[in-house]
N, C-alpha and C. Protein backbone atom coordinates (compact mmCIF):
# COMPACT_ATOMS: atom_id res chain seq x y z
N MET A 1 195.76 98.85 117.47
CA MET A 1 195.41 100.03 118.23
C MET A 1 196.69 100.60 118.84
N ASN A 2 196.91 101.88 118.60
CA ASN A 2 198.12 102.48 119.16
C ASN A 2 197.86 102.96 120.59
N MET A 3 198.90 103.46 121.22
CA MET A 3 198.83 103.87 122.62
C MET A 3 197.82 105.00 122.84
N MET A 4 197.74 105.97 121.94
CA MET A 4 196.81 107.09 122.09
C MET A 4 195.36 106.60 122.01
N GLU A 5 195.08 105.69 121.11
CA GLU A 5 193.73 105.15 121.00
C GLU A 5 193.34 104.39 122.26
N MET A 6 194.29 103.61 122.79
CA MET A 6 194.02 102.86 124.02
C MET A 6 193.74 103.80 125.19
N LEU A 7 194.52 104.88 125.29
CA LEU A 7 194.29 105.87 126.36
C LEU A 7 192.92 106.53 126.20
N GLY A 8 192.53 106.80 124.95
CA GLY A 8 191.22 107.39 124.69
C GLY A 8 190.09 106.47 125.12
N VAL A 9 190.19 105.20 124.78
CA VAL A 9 189.18 104.21 125.18
C VAL A 9 189.13 104.09 126.70
N LEU A 10 190.30 104.06 127.32
CA LEU A 10 190.37 103.96 128.78
C LEU A 10 189.74 105.18 129.45
N LEU A 11 190.00 106.36 128.91
CA LEU A 11 189.43 107.58 129.46
C LEU A 11 187.90 107.57 129.35
N ILE A 12 187.38 107.17 128.22
CA ILE A 12 185.92 107.09 128.03
C ILE A 12 185.32 106.09 129.02
N ALA A 13 185.97 104.96 129.20
CA ALA A 13 185.48 103.95 130.15
C ALA A 13 185.47 104.50 131.57
N LEU A 14 186.51 105.23 131.96
CA LEU A 14 186.57 105.81 133.31
C LEU A 14 185.48 106.85 133.52
N VAL A 15 185.21 107.67 132.52
CA VAL A 15 184.14 108.66 132.62
C VAL A 15 182.79 107.96 132.77
N ALA A 16 182.56 106.91 132.02
CA ALA A 16 181.31 106.16 132.12
C ALA A 16 181.15 105.53 133.50
N ILE A 17 182.21 104.98 134.03
CA ILE A 17 182.16 104.37 135.37
C ILE A 17 181.89 105.43 136.43
N ALA A 18 182.56 106.57 136.32
CA ALA A 18 182.35 107.66 137.29
C ALA A 18 180.91 108.15 137.24
N GLY A 19 180.36 108.30 136.04
CA GLY A 19 178.97 108.73 135.89
C GLY A 19 178.01 107.73 136.51
N SER A 20 178.27 106.46 136.32
CA SER A 20 177.44 105.42 136.91
C SER A 20 177.51 105.45 138.43
N ALA A 21 178.69 105.70 138.97
CA ALA A 21 178.86 105.76 140.43
C ALA A 21 178.07 106.92 141.03
N VAL A 22 178.09 108.07 140.37
CA VAL A 22 177.33 109.23 140.86
C VAL A 22 175.84 108.92 140.84
N TYR A 23 175.35 108.34 139.75
CA TYR A 23 173.94 107.99 139.63
C TYR A 23 173.55 106.95 140.69
N LEU A 24 174.39 105.96 140.89
CA LEU A 24 174.13 104.92 141.87
C LEU A 24 174.09 105.50 143.28
N ASN A 25 175.03 106.40 143.60
CA ASN A 25 175.06 107.04 144.91
C ASN A 25 173.79 107.85 145.16
N SER A 26 173.30 108.53 144.14
CA SER A 26 172.07 109.31 144.25
C SER A 26 170.89 108.38 144.57
N GLY A 27 170.84 107.24 143.92
CA GLY A 27 169.78 106.27 144.18
C GLY A 27 169.83 105.73 145.59
N PHE A 28 171.03 105.44 146.09
CA PHE A 28 171.18 104.96 147.47
C PHE A 28 170.76 106.03 148.46
N SER A 29 171.09 107.28 148.17
CA SER A 29 170.74 108.38 149.07
C SER A 29 169.22 108.51 149.18
N LYS A 30 168.52 108.44 148.07
CA LYS A 30 167.05 108.53 148.09
C LYS A 30 166.45 107.36 148.84
N SER A 31 167.05 106.20 148.70
CA SER A 31 166.59 105.02 149.43
C SER A 31 166.78 105.20 150.94
N LYS A 32 167.92 105.79 151.33
CA LYS A 32 168.18 106.05 152.75
C LYS A 32 167.16 107.02 153.32
N VAL A 33 166.83 108.07 152.56
CA VAL A 33 165.85 109.06 153.02
C VAL A 33 164.49 108.40 153.20
N ALA A 34 164.04 107.64 152.22
CA ALA A 34 162.74 106.98 152.30
C ALA A 34 162.69 106.00 153.47
N SER A 35 163.76 105.26 153.68
CA SER A 35 163.82 104.32 154.79
C SER A 35 163.78 105.05 156.13
N LEU A 36 164.54 106.15 156.25
CA LEU A 36 164.55 106.91 157.50
C LEU A 36 163.19 107.53 157.77
N GLU A 37 162.52 108.03 156.74
CA GLU A 37 161.18 108.60 156.92
C GLU A 37 160.23 107.54 157.49
N GLN A 38 160.27 106.36 156.93
CA GLN A 38 159.43 105.27 157.42
C GLN A 38 159.79 104.91 158.86
N ASP A 39 161.08 104.86 159.17
CA ASP A 39 161.52 104.52 160.52
C ASP A 39 161.09 105.57 161.54
N ILE A 40 161.13 106.84 161.16
CA ILE A 40 160.71 107.92 162.07
C ILE A 40 159.23 107.80 162.40
N VAL A 41 158.42 107.56 161.38
CA VAL A 41 156.97 107.40 161.61
C VAL A 41 156.70 106.19 162.48
N THR A 42 157.37 105.08 162.21
CA THR A 42 157.20 103.87 163.02
C THR A 42 157.57 104.14 164.46
N MET A 43 158.71 104.80 164.67
CA MET A 43 159.16 105.10 166.03
C MET A 43 158.17 106.03 166.73
N ARG A 44 157.69 107.05 166.04
CA ARG A 44 156.71 107.97 166.64
C ARG A 44 155.46 107.21 167.09
N MET A 45 154.92 106.39 166.21
CA MET A 45 153.69 105.65 166.55
C MET A 45 153.92 104.68 167.70
N GLN A 46 155.06 104.00 167.72
CA GLN A 46 155.32 103.04 168.79
C GLN A 46 155.58 103.73 170.12
N ILE A 47 156.22 104.90 170.10
CA ILE A 47 156.41 105.67 171.34
C ILE A 47 155.05 106.13 171.86
N GLN A 48 154.20 106.64 170.97
CA GLN A 48 152.87 107.08 171.38
C GLN A 48 152.07 105.92 171.97
N GLN A 49 152.17 104.77 171.37
CA GLN A 49 151.47 103.59 171.88
C GLN A 49 152.04 103.15 173.23
N LEU A 50 153.36 103.18 173.38
CA LEU A 50 154.00 102.78 174.63
C LEU A 50 153.55 103.68 175.78
N PHE A 51 153.40 104.97 175.53
CA PHE A 51 153.05 105.93 176.58
C PHE A 51 151.56 106.28 176.58
N ALA A 52 150.73 105.52 175.87
CA ALA A 52 149.31 105.84 175.74
C ALA A 52 148.59 105.94 177.08
N SER A 53 148.97 105.15 178.05
CA SER A 53 148.28 105.19 179.35
C SER A 53 148.93 106.18 180.32
N SER A 54 149.95 106.89 179.89
CA SER A 54 150.64 107.88 180.73
C SER A 54 150.13 109.28 180.41
N SER A 55 150.27 110.17 181.38
CA SER A 55 149.84 111.55 181.15
C SER A 55 150.90 112.36 180.39
N ASP A 56 152.12 111.85 180.32
CA ASP A 56 153.19 112.52 179.58
C ASP A 56 154.23 111.49 179.14
N TYR A 57 155.34 111.97 178.65
CA TYR A 57 156.39 111.08 178.13
C TYR A 57 157.59 111.00 179.07
N SER A 58 157.36 111.24 180.36
CA SER A 58 158.45 111.18 181.34
C SER A 58 159.15 109.83 181.28
N GLY A 59 160.47 109.87 181.28
CA GLY A 59 161.26 108.65 181.24
C GLY A 59 161.69 108.24 179.85
N LEU A 60 161.14 108.91 178.83
CA LEU A 60 161.54 108.56 177.46
C LEU A 60 162.94 109.08 177.18
N ASP A 61 163.81 108.19 176.79
CA ASP A 61 165.14 108.54 176.30
C ASP A 61 165.58 107.41 175.38
N ASP A 62 166.76 107.54 174.82
CA ASP A 62 167.26 106.55 173.86
C ASP A 62 167.29 105.15 174.46
N THR A 63 167.83 105.03 175.67
CA THR A 63 167.98 103.72 176.32
C THR A 63 166.63 103.06 176.55
N THR A 64 165.68 103.83 177.09
CA THR A 64 164.34 103.30 177.35
C THR A 64 163.68 102.85 176.05
N ALA A 65 163.80 103.66 175.02
CA ALA A 65 163.17 103.33 173.73
C ALA A 65 163.76 102.06 173.13
N ILE A 66 165.08 101.91 173.23
CA ILE A 66 165.73 100.69 172.71
C ILE A 66 165.26 99.47 173.50
N LYS A 67 165.28 99.57 174.83
CA LYS A 67 164.88 98.44 175.68
C LYS A 67 163.41 98.08 175.49
N ALA A 68 162.57 99.09 175.22
CA ALA A 68 161.13 98.84 175.04
C ALA A 68 160.81 98.31 173.64
N GLY A 69 161.80 98.31 172.77
CA GLY A 69 161.60 97.76 171.43
C GLY A 69 160.84 98.68 170.48
N VAL A 70 160.86 99.99 170.74
CA VAL A 70 160.11 100.91 169.88
C VAL A 70 160.98 101.56 168.79
N VAL A 71 162.25 101.20 168.76
CA VAL A 71 163.17 101.75 167.76
C VAL A 71 163.41 100.71 166.68
N PRO A 72 163.21 101.08 165.41
CA PRO A 72 163.52 100.13 164.34
C PRO A 72 164.98 99.67 164.45
N PRO A 73 165.23 98.37 164.33
CA PRO A 73 166.57 97.80 164.55
C PRO A 73 167.68 98.43 163.71
N ASN A 74 167.36 98.85 162.49
CA ASN A 74 168.42 99.41 161.63
C ASN A 74 168.90 100.79 162.10
N LEU A 75 168.23 101.40 163.09
CA LEU A 75 168.68 102.68 163.64
C LEU A 75 169.55 102.49 164.88
N ILE A 76 169.65 101.25 165.36
CA ILE A 76 170.42 100.97 166.58
C ILE A 76 171.83 100.53 166.20
N LYS A 77 172.81 101.27 166.70
CA LYS A 77 174.23 100.93 166.50
C LYS A 77 174.85 100.84 167.88
N GLY A 78 175.01 99.61 168.38
CA GLY A 78 175.49 99.41 169.75
C GLY A 78 174.42 99.86 170.73
N SER A 79 174.75 100.82 171.57
CA SER A 79 173.76 101.35 172.52
C SER A 79 173.26 102.73 172.10
N ARG A 80 173.57 103.14 170.88
CA ARG A 80 173.21 104.46 170.38
C ARG A 80 172.22 104.36 169.23
N LEU A 81 171.52 105.44 168.98
CA LEU A 81 170.65 105.56 167.82
C LEU A 81 171.39 106.39 166.77
N LYS A 82 171.40 105.89 165.53
CA LYS A 82 172.16 106.56 164.47
C LYS A 82 171.33 106.66 163.19
N THR A 83 171.57 107.74 162.44
CA THR A 83 170.97 107.89 161.12
C THR A 83 171.76 107.05 160.12
N PRO A 84 171.23 106.87 158.91
CA PRO A 84 171.98 106.13 157.89
C PRO A 84 173.31 106.80 157.51
N TRP A 85 173.46 108.09 157.83
CA TRP A 85 174.69 108.82 157.50
C TRP A 85 175.64 108.90 158.69
N GLY A 86 175.31 108.20 159.79
CA GLY A 86 176.18 108.14 160.95
C GLY A 86 175.94 109.21 162.00
N GLY A 87 174.99 110.10 161.76
CA GLY A 87 174.66 111.13 162.75
C GLY A 87 173.86 110.55 163.91
N GLU A 88 173.80 111.29 164.99
CA GLU A 88 173.08 110.85 166.20
C GLU A 88 171.57 111.05 166.04
N ILE A 89 170.81 110.17 166.68
CA ILE A 89 169.37 110.36 166.87
C ILE A 89 169.17 110.42 168.37
N ASN A 90 168.53 111.49 168.83
CA ASN A 90 168.28 111.65 170.26
C ASN A 90 166.80 111.83 170.51
N LEU A 91 166.31 111.12 171.51
CA LEU A 91 164.92 111.26 171.95
C LEU A 91 164.90 112.07 173.23
N SER A 92 163.97 113.00 173.32
CA SER A 92 163.84 113.81 174.53
C SER A 92 162.38 114.17 174.73
N THR A 93 162.08 114.65 175.93
CA THR A 93 160.71 115.04 176.26
C THR A 93 160.64 116.54 176.50
N ASN A 94 159.45 117.08 176.30
CA ASN A 94 159.17 118.48 176.60
C ASN A 94 157.95 118.48 177.50
N ASP A 95 158.19 118.50 178.80
CA ASP A 95 157.09 118.38 179.77
C ASP A 95 156.08 119.51 179.65
N SER A 96 156.53 120.73 179.32
CA SER A 96 155.59 121.85 179.23
C SER A 96 154.63 121.70 178.05
N HIS A 97 155.03 120.99 177.01
CA HIS A 97 154.14 120.73 175.88
C HIS A 97 153.48 119.36 175.96
N GLY A 98 153.92 118.52 176.90
CA GLY A 98 153.43 117.15 176.95
C GLY A 98 153.79 116.40 175.68
N SER A 99 155.00 116.64 175.20
CA SER A 99 155.41 116.09 173.91
C SER A 99 156.79 115.45 174.00
N PHE A 100 157.21 114.86 172.90
CA PHE A 100 158.56 114.31 172.79
C PHE A 100 159.15 114.73 171.46
N THR A 101 160.47 114.68 171.38
CA THR A 101 161.18 115.11 170.18
C THR A 101 162.10 114.00 169.69
N ILE A 102 162.09 113.79 168.38
CA ILE A 102 163.04 112.92 167.71
C ILE A 102 163.99 113.85 166.96
N GLU A 103 165.24 113.92 167.42
CA GLU A 103 166.21 114.84 166.83
C GLU A 103 167.27 114.06 166.06
N LEU A 104 167.46 114.44 164.81
CA LEU A 104 168.43 113.81 163.92
C LEU A 104 169.56 114.79 163.65
N SER A 105 170.80 114.40 163.89
CA SER A 105 171.92 115.30 163.61
C SER A 105 172.82 114.71 162.53
N GLY A 106 173.65 115.56 161.96
CA GLY A 106 174.58 115.12 160.92
C GLY A 106 173.89 114.78 159.61
N ILE A 107 172.77 115.44 159.32
CA ILE A 107 172.04 115.17 158.08
C ILE A 107 172.69 115.98 156.95
N PRO A 108 173.10 115.32 155.86
CA PRO A 108 173.72 116.04 154.74
C PRO A 108 172.74 117.04 154.11
N GLN A 109 173.28 118.03 153.44
CA GLN A 109 172.48 119.12 152.88
C GLN A 109 171.39 118.64 151.92
N ASN A 110 171.72 117.80 150.97
CA ASN A 110 170.72 117.36 149.99
C ASN A 110 169.56 116.61 150.65
N GLU A 111 169.87 115.78 151.62
CA GLU A 111 168.85 114.99 152.29
C GLU A 111 168.04 115.84 153.27
N CYS A 112 168.63 116.92 153.75
CA CYS A 112 167.97 117.80 154.72
C CYS A 112 166.65 118.33 154.17
N THR A 113 166.64 118.80 152.94
CA THR A 113 165.42 119.36 152.36
C THR A 113 164.31 118.33 152.33
N GLN A 114 164.63 117.12 151.89
CA GLN A 114 163.61 116.07 151.82
C GLN A 114 163.06 115.74 153.21
N LEU A 115 163.96 115.59 154.17
CA LEU A 115 163.53 115.23 155.52
C LEU A 115 162.80 116.38 156.21
N ALA A 116 163.20 117.62 155.95
CA ALA A 116 162.58 118.77 156.60
C ALA A 116 161.14 118.97 156.14
N LYS A 117 160.84 118.62 154.90
CA LYS A 117 159.47 118.81 154.41
C LYS A 117 158.61 117.55 154.56
N PHE A 118 159.16 116.54 155.22
CA PHE A 118 158.46 115.27 155.39
C PHE A 118 157.32 115.40 156.39
N GLN A 119 156.10 115.27 155.92
CA GLN A 119 154.88 115.25 156.74
C GLN A 119 154.85 116.36 157.78
N THR A 120 155.18 117.58 157.39
CA THR A 120 155.24 118.67 158.36
C THR A 120 153.91 118.89 159.08
N ASP A 121 152.80 118.60 158.42
CA ASP A 121 151.50 118.77 159.06
C ASP A 121 151.17 117.67 160.06
N ALA A 122 151.93 116.59 160.08
CA ALA A 122 151.68 115.48 161.00
C ALA A 122 152.42 115.63 162.33
N TRP A 123 153.28 116.64 162.43
CA TRP A 123 154.08 116.86 163.63
C TRP A 123 153.62 118.11 164.35
N LEU A 124 153.84 118.16 165.65
CA LEU A 124 153.57 119.36 166.42
C LEU A 124 154.46 120.49 165.91
N SER A 125 155.72 120.17 165.65
CA SER A 125 156.65 121.12 165.01
C SER A 125 157.79 120.36 164.36
N VAL A 126 158.39 121.01 163.37
CA VAL A 126 159.60 120.52 162.72
C VAL A 126 160.56 121.69 162.67
N SER A 127 161.80 121.45 163.08
CA SER A 127 162.79 122.52 163.01
C SER A 127 164.06 122.03 162.32
N VAL A 128 164.71 122.97 161.64
CA VAL A 128 165.99 122.71 160.98
C VAL A 128 167.01 123.66 161.59
N ASN A 129 168.03 123.08 162.20
CA ASN A 129 169.09 123.87 162.83
C ASN A 129 168.53 124.92 163.79
N GLY A 130 167.47 124.54 164.51
CA GLY A 130 166.87 125.42 165.51
C GLY A 130 165.80 126.35 164.97
N ASN A 131 165.60 126.39 163.67
CA ASN A 131 164.58 127.26 163.07
C ASN A 131 163.31 126.46 162.83
N ILE A 132 162.24 126.83 163.53
CA ILE A 132 160.97 126.10 163.39
C ILE A 132 160.34 126.43 162.04
N LEU A 133 159.95 125.38 161.32
CA LEU A 133 159.28 125.54 160.04
C LEU A 133 157.79 125.63 160.28
N ASP A 134 157.10 126.41 159.44
CA ASP A 134 155.64 126.46 159.53
C ASP A 134 155.05 126.39 158.14
N SER A 135 153.74 126.46 158.05
CA SER A 135 153.06 126.28 156.77
C SER A 135 153.39 127.40 155.78
N ASP A 136 153.88 128.53 156.27
CA ASP A 136 154.25 129.64 155.38
C ASP A 136 155.60 129.43 154.70
N ASN A 137 156.39 128.49 155.20
CA ASN A 137 157.71 128.26 154.62
C ASN A 137 157.59 127.65 153.22
N THR A 138 158.34 128.20 152.30
CA THR A 138 158.38 127.67 150.94
C THR A 138 159.54 126.68 150.83
N ILE A 139 159.59 125.98 149.73
CA ILE A 139 160.72 125.07 149.49
C ILE A 139 162.03 125.86 149.53
N THR A 140 162.02 127.07 148.98
CA THR A 140 163.22 127.90 149.02
C THR A 140 163.65 128.19 150.45
N ASP A 141 162.68 128.47 151.33
CA ASP A 141 163.00 128.71 152.75
C ASP A 141 163.65 127.47 153.36
N ILE A 142 163.10 126.30 153.05
CA ILE A 142 163.63 125.06 153.61
C ILE A 142 165.04 124.79 153.07
N VAL A 143 165.22 124.97 151.77
CA VAL A 143 166.54 124.77 151.17
C VAL A 143 167.56 125.70 151.81
N ASN A 144 167.17 126.95 152.03
CA ASN A 144 168.08 127.93 152.63
C ASN A 144 168.37 127.64 154.10
N ALA A 145 167.45 126.95 154.79
CA ALA A 145 167.67 126.60 156.20
C ALA A 145 168.68 125.46 156.33
N CYS A 146 168.82 124.66 155.29
CA CYS A 146 169.74 123.51 155.31
C CYS A 146 171.15 123.95 154.94
N THR A 147 172.12 123.46 155.71
CA THR A 147 173.53 123.77 155.47
C THR A 147 174.26 122.47 155.15
N LYS A 148 175.57 122.48 155.26
CA LYS A 148 176.37 121.28 154.94
C LYS A 148 176.04 120.10 155.84
N SER A 149 175.87 120.35 157.14
CA SER A 149 175.51 119.31 158.11
C SER A 149 174.40 119.86 158.99
N ASN A 150 173.30 119.12 159.15
CA ASN A 150 172.09 119.68 159.74
C ASN A 150 171.54 118.86 160.89
N THR A 151 170.77 119.56 161.72
CA THR A 151 170.01 118.92 162.79
C THR A 151 168.54 119.20 162.52
N ILE A 152 167.76 118.13 162.44
CA ILE A 152 166.32 118.25 162.23
C ILE A 152 165.63 117.66 163.44
N ALA A 153 164.66 118.39 163.99
CA ALA A 153 163.93 117.92 165.16
C ALA A 153 162.44 117.84 164.83
N TYR A 154 161.86 116.69 165.12
CA TYR A 154 160.43 116.45 164.94
C TYR A 154 159.80 116.35 166.32
N GLU A 155 158.80 117.19 166.60
CA GLU A 155 158.13 117.15 167.90
C GLU A 155 156.73 116.57 167.72
N ALA A 156 156.34 115.66 168.61
CA ALA A 156 155.04 114.99 168.51
C ALA A 156 154.42 114.86 169.90
N ARG A 157 153.10 114.64 169.93
CA ARG A 157 152.38 114.35 171.17
C ARG A 157 151.96 112.92 171.16
């Protein structure tokens, strides 16, 4: 085998490896989205259960939720709540609605669409970058609402 043939074989091998890496990364990304969706639902239900005997969600914040054990462990990084992509997760209350919000920041564009359309009918509201989504929004509307780095807020009672 001469030098040109060896370079050709090496180039083909590198292209195959790069293609595999892209495919593998896509699979990991979908797994992260599915895991985060499950974690959000778990956290919502556990917060609702924790505050079931209260008239509102006063006192709910990240620290309280961590100490009360209502946050899935894989979302806790030190004393902060984090998404699988390293963005912040913030819990807050809305006293006028008697509700609470789970806000995810730093969500990549591709994952934003999946997370923004996740169980929209199960939440009081879902917003992307401050824009509240409703039942009239199409997939195109949701895709257009997502940018390079996104904040998604889920509001629940």
